[in-house]
Every structure is written in structure tokens, then in C-alpha cells.
Amino acid sequence: AREQLSKLSFTHIFGGKSHDSAIALAEKLKEISPVPASKIFFSCSGSEANDTQIKLVWYYNNARGLPEKKKIISRQRGYHGVTIATASLTGLPANHADFDLPIDRILHTGCPHHYRLAEEGESEDEFATRLASELDELIQQEGPDTVAAFIAEPVMGAGGVVVPPESYFGKIQDVLNKYDILFIADEVICGFGRTGEMFGSQTFGMKPDTITVAKALTSAYAPLGAITVSEDVYQAMLDESRKIGVFGHGYTYSGHPLSTAIGLKTLEIY
């Protein structure tokens, strides 16, 4: 950290600009990502990163000529942040009460807590099948052409450290593939070795389109979050921003030199 501050204490990364530690960390994240990543977008927190996921999903579908495909499905007891949009994704009543949340276009489906929520005599596999069927029914009820993405933590953190049934994510993935729905894996809690593999998506055999990381990315020595951006989404962003004249999203401290240098050293230690 001291070395980085002595070389470059701050610069922004707007307008095609960047710096050595942000570039190096982005390349390292692309290398270890459990999903193909064309680009990395940096934020200051997991909340900001998931907020960006929402905006990119909407931007992407506008670019594809699908302006109605905007709804995002989260899960009851899931946790994805506390901004207006990400607190809406969060499925905990305390994060909604008296904040006038959730906002429109955010939906919630069932929590995969077999011990608490399974019906009498229902096996874990049967429970997972029922949850996938309920997700399918929700999508059909809302209209598949209006549902853009599904977001999930591999293991729910704030919602009670809920480990899903072994077959759960495979069944959920089949439903998402059926309706051309993006899968966002929120790895803020599970990422960087906390489930035995580098990412929870690998531990549970998930195949998301994009992941969100934060927390252990710097081992909490400095604020930093990030998301992976696939080539398809990036090209759509590029084409749409050229039409508009600019890509109108970013944060003052995105890719801060201090945070990215710490993130790079943290991954080196891992």
C-alpha cells in the first residue's frame, strides 16, 4: 500500500484511462474467474457492484432491442446490498421495511433452506425440484419476455448461511436457460476460497453469466468490488454507448490505485 501511494495515490479510470495496478488486477481476475470474462468493472463495494449488475442487465437488453426484458429475480433471505436497487434484491424484510422497498421490476422466489422450508418427508432433491418449478411458474406468470436475470449467492450469508441442496443450482440453471435469462452469481461472501474452491460457483457446479466479488478481494484492507463482463454484454454496451455518445456509468473511486494494489497483493497471497 505504501509503495503504491508513493507512486500514484489517485487517478480516475473514466474515458478509456487506467493505471498499472487496475490493469494487472483486472487481468488476474479474468484469469481466475469461473466464467469467461472479457472485461472487469471495478466499484467500491459489493452493493455498488450489484447495483452495476442491474444497470448493465437493463442496458444490455435495451441494446438488444428488448426494452421489456428488465425484471430481475432474487430469492427470499438472499442478500445483495443496501442501495435502493440492491436492497430491493435483498430478500430480508428488515432491509425493506419503511424504506418503501422493493422497487418495481425486482421479484423474489423461494429460499433453498431444506431444513426450515421442506415439506414433511420431502427429500433435498424433491425440494430442489419444487423450487425450480416455482421459479418456472413465476417466470411464466410475469412473462418470459419481461424477465432478464436471476441473482443468487452460492451459499446465502446474511440470510442464515444456507447451503442449498446438491441438485438445486442445476435445476435452477435449466429453467434460466429455457427462457434466455442471465444468471448472476453473487460471490461477495463465497469468493476467494471460502467454500473450498476459489469460487462458490465452482463448488456448487454453477454456470453463471457473470459474477460479483468484493470483501475478500482485498481481505477488507481497502474498499473494492468488481464484476465480470462477458464479451456479448461488452459488445452490446459498446454499440449502445456509441449510439448515445458515451457510456454513462462509473464511480469516482472505481479502480482506485490503492485498493487495486492491495487486491493484487491479496490474490498473490491466496
Protein backbone atom coordinates (compact mmCIF):
# COMPACT_ATOMS: atom_id res chain seq x y z
CA ALA A 1 0.00 0.00 0.00
CA ARG A 2 2.79 2.42 0.91
CA GLU A 3 4.63 1.64 -2.32
CA GLN A 4 1.51 2.30 -4.40
CA LEU A 5 0.74 5.57 -2.62
CA SER A 6 4.28 6.76 -3.25
CA LYS A 7 3.90 6.06 -6.98
CA LEU A 8 0.28 7.01 -7.69
CA SER A 9 -2.14 7.92 -4.92
CA PHE A 10 -5.17 8.55 -7.14
CA THR A 11 -6.40 8.72 -10.69
CA HIS A 12 -9.79 8.04 -12.22
CA ILE A 13 -10.42 5.40 -14.88
CA PHE A 14 -13.03 7.23 -16.93
CA GLY A 15 -12.76 7.93 -20.65
CA GLY A 16 -10.63 4.93 -21.54
CA LYS A 17 -7.97 5.77 -18.94
CA SER A 18 -6.49 3.29 -16.46
CA HIS A 19 -3.33 2.55 -14.50
CA ASP A 20 -0.97 -0.35 -13.86
CA SER A 21 -2.48 -1.90 -10.73
CA ALA A 22 -6.06 -1.74 -12.06
CA ILE A 23 -4.99 -3.36 -15.33
CA ALA A 24 -2.98 -6.06 -13.56
CA LEU A 25 -5.81 -6.87 -11.14
CA ALA A 26 -8.37 -6.99 -13.94
CA GLU A 27 -6.20 -9.43 -15.87
CA LYS A 28 -5.73 -11.59 -12.77
CA LEU A 29 -9.48 -11.67 -12.09
CA LYS A 30 -10.15 -12.65 -15.70
CA GLU A 31 -7.59 -15.44 -15.35
CA ILE A 32 -9.14 -16.97 -12.21
CA SER A 33 -12.80 -16.20 -12.95
CA PRO A 34 -15.07 -19.26 -13.06
CA VAL A 35 -16.82 -17.73 -16.10
CA PRO A 36 -15.42 -16.32 -19.37
CA ALA A 37 -14.74 -12.63 -18.75
CA SER A 38 -13.98 -10.04 -21.40
CA LYS A 39 -13.72 -7.07 -19.06
CA ILE A 40 -13.76 -6.27 -15.33
CA PHE A 41 -15.72 -3.35 -13.91
CA PHE A 42 -14.48 -2.05 -10.54
CA SER A 43 -16.58 -0.49 -7.80
CA CYS A 44 -16.04 0.41 -4.15
CA SER A 45 -18.27 -2.25 -2.58
CA GLY A 46 -20.43 -5.28 -3.21
CA SER A 47 -23.54 -3.09 -3.09
CA GLU A 48 -22.18 -0.84 -5.84
CA ALA A 49 -21.07 -3.86 -7.85
CA ASN A 50 -24.52 -5.47 -7.73
CA ASP A 51 -26.12 -2.12 -8.50
CA THR A 52 -23.94 -2.07 -11.61
CA GLN A 53 -25.08 -5.59 -12.47
CA ILE A 54 -28.68 -4.36 -12.51
CA LYS A 55 -27.84 -1.37 -14.69
CA LEU A 56 -25.84 -3.47 -17.15
CA VAL A 57 -28.65 -6.02 -17.46
CA TRP A 58 -31.06 -3.22 -18.35
CA TYR A 59 -28.56 -1.52 -20.67
CA TYR A 60 -27.78 -4.85 -22.38
CA ASN A 61 -31.41 -5.62 -23.12
CA ASN A 62 -32.05 -2.11 -24.41
CA ALA A 63 -29.08 -2.61 -26.72
CA ARG A 64 -30.56 -5.94 -27.88
CA GLY A 65 -33.88 -4.30 -28.69
CA LEU A 66 -35.63 -5.99 -25.75
CA PRO A 67 -36.87 -3.00 -23.72
CA GLU A 68 -39.46 -5.06 -21.83
CA LYS A 69 -36.96 -7.70 -20.63
CA LYS A 70 -35.96 -5.96 -17.40
CA LYS A 71 -37.25 -7.86 -14.35
CA ILE A 72 -34.68 -9.45 -12.05
CA ILE A 73 -35.48 -12.38 -9.79
CA SER A 74 -33.74 -12.72 -6.45
CA ARG A 75 -34.56 -15.05 -3.55
CA GLN A 76 -36.19 -14.72 -0.18
CA ARG A 77 -33.48 -14.39 2.51
CA GLY A 78 -30.85 -13.55 -0.11
CA TYR A 79 -28.53 -10.60 0.50
CA HIS A 80 -27.13 -8.44 -2.30
CA GLY A 81 -26.53 -4.99 -0.80
CA VAL A 82 -28.28 -1.93 0.62
CA THR A 83 -28.55 0.66 -2.16
CA ILE A 84 -32.12 1.31 -3.28
CA ALA A 85 -31.78 -1.24 -6.08
CA THR A 86 -29.65 -3.84 -4.30
CA ALA A 87 -31.66 -3.66 -1.08
CA SER A 88 -34.62 -4.47 -3.31
CA LEU A 89 -32.75 -7.57 -4.49
CA THR A 90 -32.05 -8.45 -0.87
CA GLY A 91 -34.81 -10.72 0.38
CA LEU A 92 -34.77 -9.74 4.06
CA PRO A 93 -37.77 -7.83 5.49
CA ALA A 94 -35.64 -5.55 7.67
CA ASN A 95 -33.95 -4.17 4.56
CA HIS A 96 -37.32 -3.28 3.03
CA ALA A 97 -39.45 -2.09 5.95
CA ASP A 98 -40.15 1.67 5.87
CA PHE A 99 -37.66 2.18 3.03
CA ASP A 100 -40.51 1.75 0.51
CA LEU A 101 -38.76 -1.25 -1.00
CA PRO A 102 -38.55 -3.31 -3.11
CA ILE A 103 -38.73 -1.18 -6.23
CA ASP A 104 -40.58 -2.27 -9.37
CA ARG A 105 -39.07 -4.96 -11.62
CA ILE A 106 -37.49 -6.83 -8.69
CA LEU A 107 -39.09 -10.18 -7.83
CA HIS A 108 -38.35 -12.87 -5.24
CA THR A 109 -38.61 -16.64 -5.37
CA GLY A 110 -38.16 -19.30 -2.69
CA CYS A 111 -35.18 -19.81 -0.40
CA PRO A 112 -33.36 -23.19 -0.69
CA HIS A 113 -33.36 -23.87 3.06
CA HIS A 114 -34.33 -27.54 3.15
CA TYR A 115 -34.22 -27.88 6.94
CA ARG A 116 -36.63 -24.97 7.52
CA LEU A 117 -38.79 -24.99 4.42
CA ALA A 118 -39.12 -28.54 3.09
CA GLU A 119 -42.50 -30.22 3.29
CA GLU A 120 -42.85 -33.27 5.53
CA GLY A 121 -41.00 -36.22 4.02
CA GLU A 122 -39.65 -34.15 1.12
CA SER A 123 -36.09 -35.12 0.15
CA GLU A 124 -33.49 -32.49 -0.74
CA ASP A 125 -33.76 -33.40 -4.42
CA GLU A 126 -37.56 -33.19 -4.34
CA PHE A 127 -37.32 -29.86 -2.54
CA ALA A 128 -34.93 -28.55 -5.22
CA THR A 129 -37.31 -29.74 -7.94
CA ARG A 130 -40.20 -27.90 -6.29
CA LEU A 131 -38.20 -24.66 -6.01
CA ALA A 132 -37.22 -24.87 -9.68
CA SER A 133 -40.88 -25.44 -10.60
CA GLU A 134 -41.91 -22.43 -8.53
CA LEU A 135 -39.29 -20.32 -10.33
CA ASP A 136 -40.61 -21.54 -13.69
CA GLU A 137 -44.17 -20.67 -12.65
CA LEU A 138 -43.10 -17.18 -11.53
CA ILE A 139 -41.39 -16.54 -14.87
CA GLN A 140 -44.44 -17.73 -16.80
CA GLN A 141 -46.73 -15.62 -14.61
CA GLU A 142 -44.64 -12.48 -15.21
CA GLY A 143 -44.00 -13.29 -18.87
CA PRO A 144 -40.65 -14.78 -20.00
CA ASP A 145 -40.09 -11.81 -22.31
CA THR A 146 -40.06 -9.50 -19.28
CA VAL A 147 -37.58 -11.42 -17.08
CA ALA A 148 -33.94 -10.51 -17.66
CA ALA A 149 -31.84 -12.04 -14.88
CA PHE A 150 -31.67 -14.20 -11.78
CA ILE A 151 -29.21 -13.47 -8.95
CA ALA A 152 -28.07 -15.83 -6.21
CA GLU A 153 -25.33 -16.35 -3.66
CA PRO A 154 -23.84 -19.87 -3.85
CA VAL A 155 -24.29 -20.04 -0.07
CA MET A 156 -26.61 -17.45 1.45
CA GLY A 157 -24.71 -15.39 4.00
CA ALA A 158 -26.79 -12.81 5.89
CA GLY A 159 -29.91 -14.91 5.31
CA GLY A 160 -28.63 -17.65 7.62
CA VAL A 161 -25.64 -19.40 5.98
CA VAL A 162 -27.99 -21.51 3.86
CA VAL A 163 -26.29 -24.29 1.89
CA PRO A 164 -28.55 -25.36 -1.00
CA PRO A 165 -29.37 -28.98 -1.89
CA GLU A 166 -26.77 -30.56 -4.16
CA SER A 167 -29.09 -30.65 -7.18
CA TYR A 168 -30.56 -27.18 -6.64
CA PHE A 169 -28.47 -25.00 -8.93
CA GLY A 170 -28.53 -27.49 -11.80
CA LYS A 171 -32.32 -27.47 -11.76
CA ILE A 172 -32.42 -23.66 -11.49
CA GLN A 173 -29.94 -23.35 -14.37
CA ASP A 174 -32.20 -25.44 -16.62
CA VAL A 175 -35.08 -23.02 -16.01
CA LEU A 176 -32.92 -19.97 -16.74
CA ASN A 177 -31.57 -21.48 -19.96
CA LYS A 178 -35.10 -22.27 -21.08
CA TYR A 179 -36.10 -18.59 -21.00
CA ASP A 180 -32.84 -16.81 -22.02
CA ILE A 181 -32.36 -15.38 -18.53
CA LEU A 182 -28.93 -14.21 -17.37
CA PHE A 183 -27.52 -15.82 -14.23
CA ILE A 184 -25.65 -13.50 -11.83
CA ALA A 185 -23.63 -15.25 -9.12
CA ASP A 186 -23.07 -13.00 -6.11
CA GLU A 187 -19.69 -14.23 -4.86
CA VAL A 188 -19.18 -11.40 -2.36
CA ILE A 189 -19.47 -13.81 0.59
CA CYS A 190 -18.30 -17.05 -1.05
CA GLY A 191 -15.49 -15.89 -3.32
CA PHE A 192 -11.77 -16.50 -2.87
CA GLY A 193 -11.67 -19.87 -1.21
CA ARG A 194 -14.44 -19.70 1.34
CA THR A 195 -16.19 -22.85 0.08
CA GLY A 196 -13.10 -24.92 -0.66
CA GLU A 197 -12.78 -23.85 -4.31
CA MET A 198 -11.70 -20.38 -5.38
CA PHE A 199 -15.36 -19.51 -6.03
CA GLY A 200 -18.62 -20.88 -4.70
CA SER A 201 -19.83 -21.23 -8.28
CA GLN A 202 -17.18 -23.91 -8.77
CA THR A 203 -18.07 -25.70 -5.53
CA PHE A 204 -21.74 -25.96 -6.49
CA GLY A 205 -21.31 -26.56 -10.22
CA MET A 206 -22.98 -23.27 -11.14
CA LYS A 207 -22.61 -21.79 -14.63
CA PRO A 208 -23.35 -18.09 -14.22
CA ASP A 209 -23.01 -15.48 -16.94
CA THR A 210 -21.33 -13.01 -14.59
CA ILE A 211 -20.08 -12.84 -11.01
CA THR A 212 -19.86 -10.14 -8.37
CA VAL A 213 -16.91 -10.03 -5.95
CA ALA A 214 -15.85 -7.78 -3.05
CA LYS A 215 -14.96 -8.37 0.65
CA ALA A 216 -12.16 -10.98 0.39
CA LEU A 217 -10.94 -9.37 -2.85
CA THR A 218 -8.80 -7.13 -0.63
CA SER A 219 -9.24 -9.14 2.58
CA ALA A 220 -11.09 -5.99 3.74
CA TYR A 221 -7.90 -3.90 3.95
CA ALA A 222 -9.42 -1.44 1.45
CA PRO A 223 -12.85 -1.00 -0.15
CA LEU A 224 -13.14 -2.69 -3.55
CA GLY A 225 -15.75 -4.57 -5.54
CA ALA A 226 -15.82 -5.89 -9.09
CA ILE A 227 -17.98 -7.64 -11.63
CA THR A 228 -17.08 -9.70 -14.68
CA VAL A 229 -18.47 -8.59 -18.04
CA SER A 230 -18.90 -11.18 -20.79
CA GLU A 231 -17.92 -10.43 -24.38
CA ASP A 232 -21.57 -10.46 -25.52
CA VAL A 233 -22.58 -7.91 -22.90
CA TYR A 234 -19.48 -5.81 -23.52
CA GLN A 235 -20.08 -5.62 -27.27
CA ALA A 236 -23.70 -4.62 -26.69
CA MET A 237 -22.54 -1.94 -24.24
CA LEU A 238 -20.00 -0.71 -26.77
CA ASP A 239 -22.51 -0.50 -29.61
CA GLU A 240 -25.14 1.23 -27.48
CA SER A 241 -22.72 3.74 -25.95
CA ARG A 242 -21.52 4.67 -29.44
CA LYS A 243 -25.11 5.48 -30.39
CA ILE A 244 -25.56 7.60 -27.27
CA GLY A 245 -22.09 9.14 -27.41
CA VAL A 246 -20.81 7.96 -24.02
CA PHE A 247 -21.16 5.09 -21.56
CA GLY A 248 -22.78 6.98 -18.71
CA HIS A 249 -21.83 4.87 -15.71
CA GLY A 250 -18.89 4.74 -13.31
CA TYR A 251 -17.71 5.80 -9.86
CA THR A 252 -15.12 8.37 -8.82
CA TYR A 253 -13.16 5.74 -6.92
CA SER A 254 -13.65 2.84 -9.35
CA GLY A 255 -10.34 1.01 -9.64
CA HIS A 256 -8.67 3.21 -7.02
CA PRO A 257 -4.88 2.67 -7.21
CA LEU A 258 -4.56 1.86 -3.50
CA SER A 259 -7.43 -0.64 -3.48
CA THR A 260 -6.38 -2.40 -6.67
CA ALA A 261 -2.77 -2.68 -5.49
CA ILE A 262 -3.99 -4.25 -2.25
CA GLY A 263 -6.31 -6.55 -4.20
CA LEU A 264 -3.44 -7.69 -6.39
CA LYS A 265 -1.24 -8.47 -3.39
CA THR A 266 -4.14 -10.26 -1.67
CA LEU A 267 -4.66 -12.58 -4.64
CA GLU A 268 -0.92 -13.21 -4.75
CA ILE A 269 -1.09 -14.41 -1.13
CA TYR A 270 -4.17 -16.57 -1.80
